[in-house]
PDB file of N, CA and C in Angstrom:
ATOM      1  N   MET A   1      -2.570  -5.137  22.626  1.00  0.00           N
ATOM      2  CA  MET A   1      -1.374  -5.634  22.018  1.00  0.00           C
ATOM      3  C   MET A   1      -0.154  -5.040  22.701  1.00  0.00           C
ATOM      4  N   ASP A   2       0.857  -5.828  22.851  1.00  0.00           N
ATOM      5  CA  ASP A   2       2.067  -5.304  23.466  1.00  0.00           C
ATOM      6  C   ASP A   2       3.046  -4.832  22.400  1.00  0.00           C
ATOM      7  N   ALA A   3       4.091  -4.166  22.838  1.00  0.00           N
ATOM      8  CA  ALA A   3       5.068  -3.599  21.910  1.00  0.00           C
ATOM      9  C   ALA A   3       5.760  -4.683  21.092  1.00  0.00           C
ATOM     10  N   GLY A   4       5.994  -5.852  21.686  1.00  0.00           N
ATOM     11  CA  GLY A   4       6.632  -6.942  20.967  1.00  0.00           C
ATOM     12  C   GLY A   4       5.815  -7.410  19.779  1.00  0.00           C
ATOM     13  N   THR A   5       4.516  -7.499  19.949  1.00  0.00           N
ATOM     14  CA  THR A   5       3.633  -7.912  18.860  1.00  0.00           C
ATOM     15  C   THR A   5       3.633  -6.871  17.752  1.00  0.00           C
ATOM     16  N   ASN A   6       3.582  -5.595  18.115  1.00  0.00           N
ATOM     17  CA  ASN A   6       3.615  -4.533  17.112  1.00  0.00           C
ATOM     18  C   ASN A   6       4.922  -4.562  16.335  1.00  0.00           C
ATOM     19  N   LYS A   7       6.035  -4.771  17.026  1.00  0.00           N
ATOM     20  CA  LYS A   7       7.335  -4.809  16.371  1.00  0.00           C
ATOM     21  C   LYS A   7       7.403  -5.988  15.412  1.00  0.00           C
ATOM     22  N   GLN A   8       6.890  -7.139  15.850  1.00  0.00           N
ATOM     23  CA  GLN A   8       6.910  -8.321  15.009  1.00  0.00           C
ATOM     24  C   GLN A   8       6.121  -8.081  13.723  1.00  0.00           C
ATOM     25  N   LYS A   9       4.961  -7.479  13.824  1.00  0.00           N
ATOM     26  CA  LYS A   9       4.135  -7.208  12.643  1.00  0.00           C
ATOM     27  C   LYS A   9       4.829  -6.237  11.704  1.00  0.00           C
ATOM     28  N   SER A  10       5.494  -5.219  12.238  1.00  0.00           N
ATOM     29  CA  SER A  10       6.132  -4.225  11.386  1.00  0.00           C
ATOM     30  C   SER A  10       7.360  -4.778  10.690  1.00  0.00           C
ATOM     31  N   ASN A  11       7.946  -5.863  11.210  1.00  0.00           N
ATOM     32  CA  ASN A  11       9.138  -6.446  10.611  1.00  0.00           C
ATOM     33  C   ASN A  11       8.820  -7.442   9.501  1.00  0.00           C
ATOM     34  N   GLN A  12       7.575  -7.859   9.362  1.00  0.00           N
ATOM     35  CA  GLN A  12       7.217  -8.808   8.322  1.00  0.00           C
ATOM     36  C   GLN A  12       7.193  -8.108   6.976  1.00  0.00           C
ATOM     37  N   ARG A  13       7.537  -8.835   5.948  1.00  0.00           N
ATOM     38  CA  ARG A  13       7.623  -8.255   4.610  1.00  0.00           C
ATOM     39  C   ARG A  13       6.543  -8.835   3.713  1.00  0.00           C
ATOM     40  N   LEU A  14       6.206  -8.063   2.691  1.00  0.00           N
ATOM     41  CA  LEU A  14       5.244  -8.524   1.688  1.00  0.00           C
ATOM     42  C   LEU A  14       5.953  -9.441   0.700  1.00  0.00           C
ATOM     43  N   SER A  15       5.227 -10.392   0.175  1.00  0.00           N
ATOM     44  CA  SER A  15       5.796 -11.275  -0.841  1.00  0.00           C
ATOM     45  C   SER A  15       5.880 -10.523  -2.167  1.00  0.00           C
ATOM     46  N   ILE A  16       6.635 -11.070  -3.091  1.00  0.00           N
ATOM     47  CA  ILE A  16       6.753 -10.467  -4.420  1.00  0.00           C
ATOM     48  C   ILE A  16       5.394 -10.408  -5.106  1.00  0.00           C
ATOM     49  N   PHE A  17       4.544 -11.395  -4.844  1.00  0.00           N
ATOM     50  CA  PHE A  17       3.214 -11.420  -5.453  1.00  0.00           C
ATOM     51  C   PHE A  17       2.325 -10.321  -4.860  1.00  0.00           C
ATOM     52  N   GLU A  18       2.429 -10.115  -3.554  1.00  0.00           N
ATOM     53  CA  GLU A  18       1.658  -9.053  -2.904  1.00  0.00           C
ATOM     54  C   GLU A  18       2.127  -7.679  -3.374  1.00  0.00           C
ATOM     55  N   LEU A  19       3.438  -7.526  -3.530  1.00  0.00           N
ATOM     56  CA  LEU A  19       3.975  -6.257  -4.025  1.00  0.00           C
ATOM     57  C   LEU A  19       3.517  -5.984  -5.457  1.00  0.00           C
ATOM     58  N   GLU A  20       3.521  -7.010  -6.285  1.00  0.00           N
ATOM     59  CA  GLU A  20       3.083  -6.841  -7.672  1.00  0.00           C
ATOM     60  C   GLU A  20       1.603  -6.480  -7.739  1.00  0.00           C
ATOM     61  N   ALA A  21       0.787  -7.103  -6.892  1.00  0.00           N
ATOM     62  CA  ALA A  21      -0.641  -6.782  -6.859  1.00  0.00           C
ATOM     63  C   ALA A  21      -0.854  -5.338  -6.412  1.00  0.00           C
ATOM     64  N   LEU A  22      -0.103  -4.909  -5.422  1.00  0.00           N
ATOM     65  CA  LEU A  22      -0.200  -3.533  -4.938  1.00  0.00           C
ATOM     66  C   LEU A  22       0.253  -2.551  -6.014  1.00  0.00           C
ATOM     67  N   ARG A  23       1.327  -2.902  -6.697  1.00  0.00           N
ATOM     68  CA  ARG A  23       1.840  -2.056  -7.777  1.00  0.00           C
ATOM     69  C   ARG A  23       0.819  -1.917  -8.897  1.00  0.00           C
ATOM     70  N   GLU A  24       0.194  -3.028  -9.287  1.00  0.00           N
ATOM     71  CA  GLU A  24      -0.806  -2.992 -10.349  1.00  0.00           C
ATOM     72  C   GLU A  24      -2.033  -2.193  -9.917  1.00  0.00           C
ATOM     73  N   ALA A  25      -2.434  -2.331  -8.658  1.00  0.00           N
ATOM     74  CA  ALA A  25      -3.575  -1.560  -8.154  1.00  0.00           C
ATOM     75  C   ALA A  25      -3.259  -0.066  -8.189  1.00  0.00           C
ATOM     76  N   PHE A  26      -2.023   0.297  -7.862  1.00  0.00           N
ATOM     77  CA  PHE A  26      -1.625   1.704  -7.933  1.00  0.00           C
ATOM     78  C   PHE A  26      -1.661   2.196  -9.380  1.00  0.00           C
ATOM     79  N   ARG A  27      -1.119   1.410 -10.293  1.00  0.00           N
ATOM     80  CA  ARG A  27      -1.147   1.798 -11.711  1.00  0.00           C
ATOM     81  C   ARG A  27      -2.580   1.998 -12.204  1.00  0.00           C
ATOM     82  N   GLN A  28      -3.453   1.089 -11.816  1.00  0.00           N
ATOM     83  CA  GLN A  28      -4.858   1.201 -12.213  1.00  0.00           C
ATOM     84  C   GLN A  28      -5.467   2.471 -11.645  1.00  0.00           C
ATOM     85  N   SER A  29      -5.155   2.780 -10.402  1.00  0.00           N
ATOM     86  CA  SER A  29      -5.661   3.997  -9.768  1.00  0.00           C
ATOM     87  C   SER A  29      -5.156   5.238 -10.490  1.00  0.00           C
ATOM     88  N   VAL A  30      -3.898   5.216 -10.898  1.00  0.00           N
ATOM     89  CA  VAL A  30      -3.323   6.342 -11.653  1.00  0.00           C
ATOM     90  C   VAL A  30      -4.078   6.532 -12.960  1.00  0.00           C
ATOM     91  N   ARG A  31      -4.340   5.426 -13.660  1.00  0.00           N
ATOM     92  CA  ARG A  31      -5.069   5.519 -14.941  1.00  0.00           C
ATOM     93  C   ARG A  31      -6.495   6.004 -14.740  1.00  0.00           C
ATOM     94  N   GLU A  32      -7.191   5.415 -13.754  1.00  0.00           N
ATOM     95  CA  GLU A  32      -8.594   5.764 -13.519  1.00  0.00           C
ATOM     96  C   GLU A  32      -8.763   7.212 -13.085  1.00  0.00           C
ATOM     97  N   ASN A  33      -7.786   7.722 -12.342  1.00  0.00           N
ATOM     98  CA  ASN A  33      -7.877   9.090 -11.833  1.00  0.00           C
ATOM     99  C   ASN A  33      -7.105  10.091 -12.688  1.00  0.00           C
ATOM    100  N   ASP A  34      -6.556   9.620 -13.814  1.00  0.00           N
ATOM    101  CA  ASP A  34      -5.814  10.472 -14.753  1.00  0.00           C
ATOM    102  C   ASP A  34      -4.775  11.329 -14.020  1.00  0.00           C
ATOM    103  N   VAL A  35      -3.925  10.660 -13.242  1.00  0.00           N
ATOM    104  CA  VAL A  35      -2.915  11.350 -12.431  1.00  0.00           C
ATOM    105  C   VAL A  35      -1.667  11.574 -13.281  1.00  0.00           C
ATOM    106  N   ALA A  36      -1.213  12.816 -13.335  1.00  0.00           N
ATOM    107  CA  ALA A  36       0.015  13.146 -14.055  1.00  0.00           C
ATOM    108  C   ALA A  36       1.215  12.573 -13.307  1.00  0.00           C
ATOM    109  N   GLU A  37       2.262  12.231 -14.035  1.00  0.00           N
ATOM    110  CA  GLU A  37       3.449  11.625 -13.418  1.00  0.00           C
ATOM    111  C   GLU A  37       4.034  12.504 -12.313  1.00  0.00           C
ATOM    112  N   ALA A  38       3.972  13.796 -12.481  1.00  0.00           N
ATOM    113  CA  ALA A  38       4.498  14.721 -11.475  1.00  0.00           C
ATOM    114  C   ALA A  38       3.729  14.642 -10.157  1.00  0.00           C
ATOM    115  N   GLU A  39       2.522  14.084 -10.190  1.00  0.00           N
ATOM    116  CA  GLU A  39       1.678  13.997  -8.996  1.00  0.00           C
ATOM    117  C   GLU A  39       1.627  12.598  -8.398  1.00  0.00           C
ATOM    118  N   TRP A  40       2.435  11.666  -8.920  1.00  0.00           N
ATOM    119  CA  TRP A  40       2.402  10.288  -8.454  1.00  0.00           C
ATOM    120  C   TRP A  40       2.754  10.150  -6.977  1.00  0.00           C
ATOM    121  N   ALA A  41       3.723  10.902  -6.492  1.00  0.00           N
ATOM    122  CA  ALA A  41       4.128  10.782  -5.083  1.00  0.00           C
ATOM    123  C   ALA A  41       2.970  11.132  -4.156  1.00  0.00           C
ATOM    124  N   GLN A  42       2.298  12.227  -4.439  1.00  0.00           N
ATOM    125  CA  GLN A  42       1.154  12.628  -3.620  1.00  0.00           C
ATOM    126  C   GLN A  42       0.023  11.607  -3.746  1.00  0.00           C
ATOM    127  N   HIS A  43      -0.212  11.134  -4.965  1.00  0.00           N
ATOM    128  CA  HIS A  43      -1.261  10.142  -5.179  1.00  0.00           C
ATOM    129  C   HIS A  43      -0.919   8.836  -4.444  1.00  0.00           C
ATOM    130  N   ALA A  44       0.350   8.472  -4.430  1.00  0.00           N
ATOM    131  CA  ALA A  44       0.773   7.246  -3.737  1.00  0.00           C
ATOM    132  C   ALA A  44       0.469   7.339  -2.246  1.00  0.00           C
ATOM    133  N   GLU A  45       0.724   8.495  -1.645  1.00  0.00           N
ATOM    134  CA  GLU A  45       0.414   8.677  -0.222  1.00  0.00           C
ATOM    135  C   GLU A  45      -1.073   8.470   0.043  1.00  0.00           C
ATOM    136  N   LEU A  46      -1.901   9.086  -0.775  1.00  0.00           N
ATOM    137  CA  LEU A  46      -3.347   8.938  -0.619  1.00  0.00           C
ATOM    138  C   LEU A  46      -3.788   7.501  -0.890  1.00  0.00           C
ATOM    139  N   PHE A  47      -3.183   6.881  -1.889  1.00  0.00           N
ATOM    140  CA  PHE A  47      -3.510   5.498  -2.242  1.00  0.00           C
ATOM    141  C   PHE A  47      -3.226   4.559  -1.068  1.00  0.00           C
ATOM    142  N   VAL A  48      -2.078   4.723  -0.444  1.00  0.00           N
ATOM    143  CA  VAL A  48      -1.706   3.876   0.692  1.00  0.00           C
ATOM    144  C   VAL A  48      -2.658   4.101   1.864  1.00  0.00           C
ATOM    145  N   LYS A  49      -2.982   5.351   2.148  1.00  0.00           N
ATOM    146  CA  LYS A  49      -3.913   5.646   3.244  1.00  0.00           C
ATOM    147  C   LYS A  49      -5.276   5.016   2.978  1.00  0.00           C
ATOM    148  N   LYS A  50      -5.795   5.190   1.771  1.00  0.00           N
ATOM    149  CA  LYS A  50      -7.112   4.636   1.440  1.00  0.00           C
ATOM    150  C   LYS A  50      -7.097   3.115   1.458  1.00  0.00           C
ATOM    151  N   THR A  51      -6.030   2.527   0.939  1.00  0.00           N
ATOM    152  CA  THR A  51      -5.929   1.071   0.904  1.00  0.00           C
ATOM    153  C   THR A  51      -5.890   0.503   2.312  1.00  0.00           C
ATOM    154  N   SER A  52      -5.140   1.131   3.194  1.00  0.00           N
ATOM    155  CA  SER A  52      -5.048   0.622   4.559  1.00  0.00           C
ATOM    156  C   SER A  52      -6.352   0.844   5.318  1.00  0.00           C
ATOM    157  N   GLN A  53      -7.094   1.898   5.025  1.00  0.00           N
ATOM    158  CA  GLN A  53      -8.378   2.151   5.669  1.00  0.00           C
ATOM    159  C   GLN A  53      -9.439   1.164   5.221  1.00  0.00           C
ATOM    160  N   LYS A  54      -9.347   0.696   3.994  1.00  0.00           N
ATOM    161  CA  LYS A  54     -10.312  -0.251   3.450  1.00  0.00           C
ATOM    162  C   LYS A  54     -10.041  -1.670   3.953  1.00  0.00           C
ATOM    163  N   GLY A  55      -9.007  -1.825   4.738  1.00  0.00           N
ATOM    164  CA  GLY A  55      -8.679  -3.159   5.227  1.00  0.00           C
ATOM    165  C   GLY A  55      -7.753  -3.904   4.286  1.00  0.00           C
ATOM    166  N   GLY A  56      -7.200  -3.167   3.314  1.00  0.00           N
ATOM    167  CA  GLY A  56      -6.240  -3.786   2.430  1.00  0.00           C
ATOM    168  C   GLY A  56      -4.982  -4.141   3.191  1.00  0.00           C
ATOM    169  N   ARG A  57      -4.261  -5.137   2.709  1.00  0.00           N
ATOM    170  CA  ARG A  57      -3.066  -5.574   3.417  1.00  0.00           C
ATOM    171  C   ARG A  57      -1.835  -4.931   2.818  1.00  0.00           C
ATOM    172  N   LEU A  58      -1.314  -3.916   3.479  1.00  0.00           N
ATOM    173  CA  LEU A  58      -0.042  -3.345   3.072  1.00  0.00           C
ATOM    174  C   LEU A  58       1.093  -3.995   3.826  1.00  0.00           C
ATOM    175  N   THR A  59       0.771  -4.569   4.965  1.00  0.00           N
ATOM    176  CA  THR A  59       1.739  -5.342   5.732  1.00  0.00           C
ATOM    177  C   THR A  59       1.090  -6.655   6.099  1.00  0.00           C
ATOM    178  N   ARG A  60       1.877  -7.653   6.302  1.00  0.00           N
ATOM    179  CA  ARG A  60       1.337  -8.959   6.654  1.00  0.00           C
ATOM    180  C   ARG A  60       0.931  -8.968   8.104  1.00  0.00           C
ATOM    181  N   THR A  61      -0.169  -9.651   8.406  1.00  0.00           N
ATOM    182  CA  THR A  61      -0.632  -9.756   9.787  1.00  0.00           C
ATOM    183  C   THR A  61      -0.494 -11.159  10.302  1.00  0.00           C
TER     184      THR A  61
END
């Protein structure tokens, strides 16, 4: 892949529906893992890493 293709992919945005699905998945993860509100930022980082490793779409391709 060339730099132009990478830049194009990084500039695409998620739809409101994709954002809502991601938000709900995060909320569910917080509930399932009993994460305290003070730990949400750290949990969010891990959630994003795991979601992207599983092939989840955090950015449009």
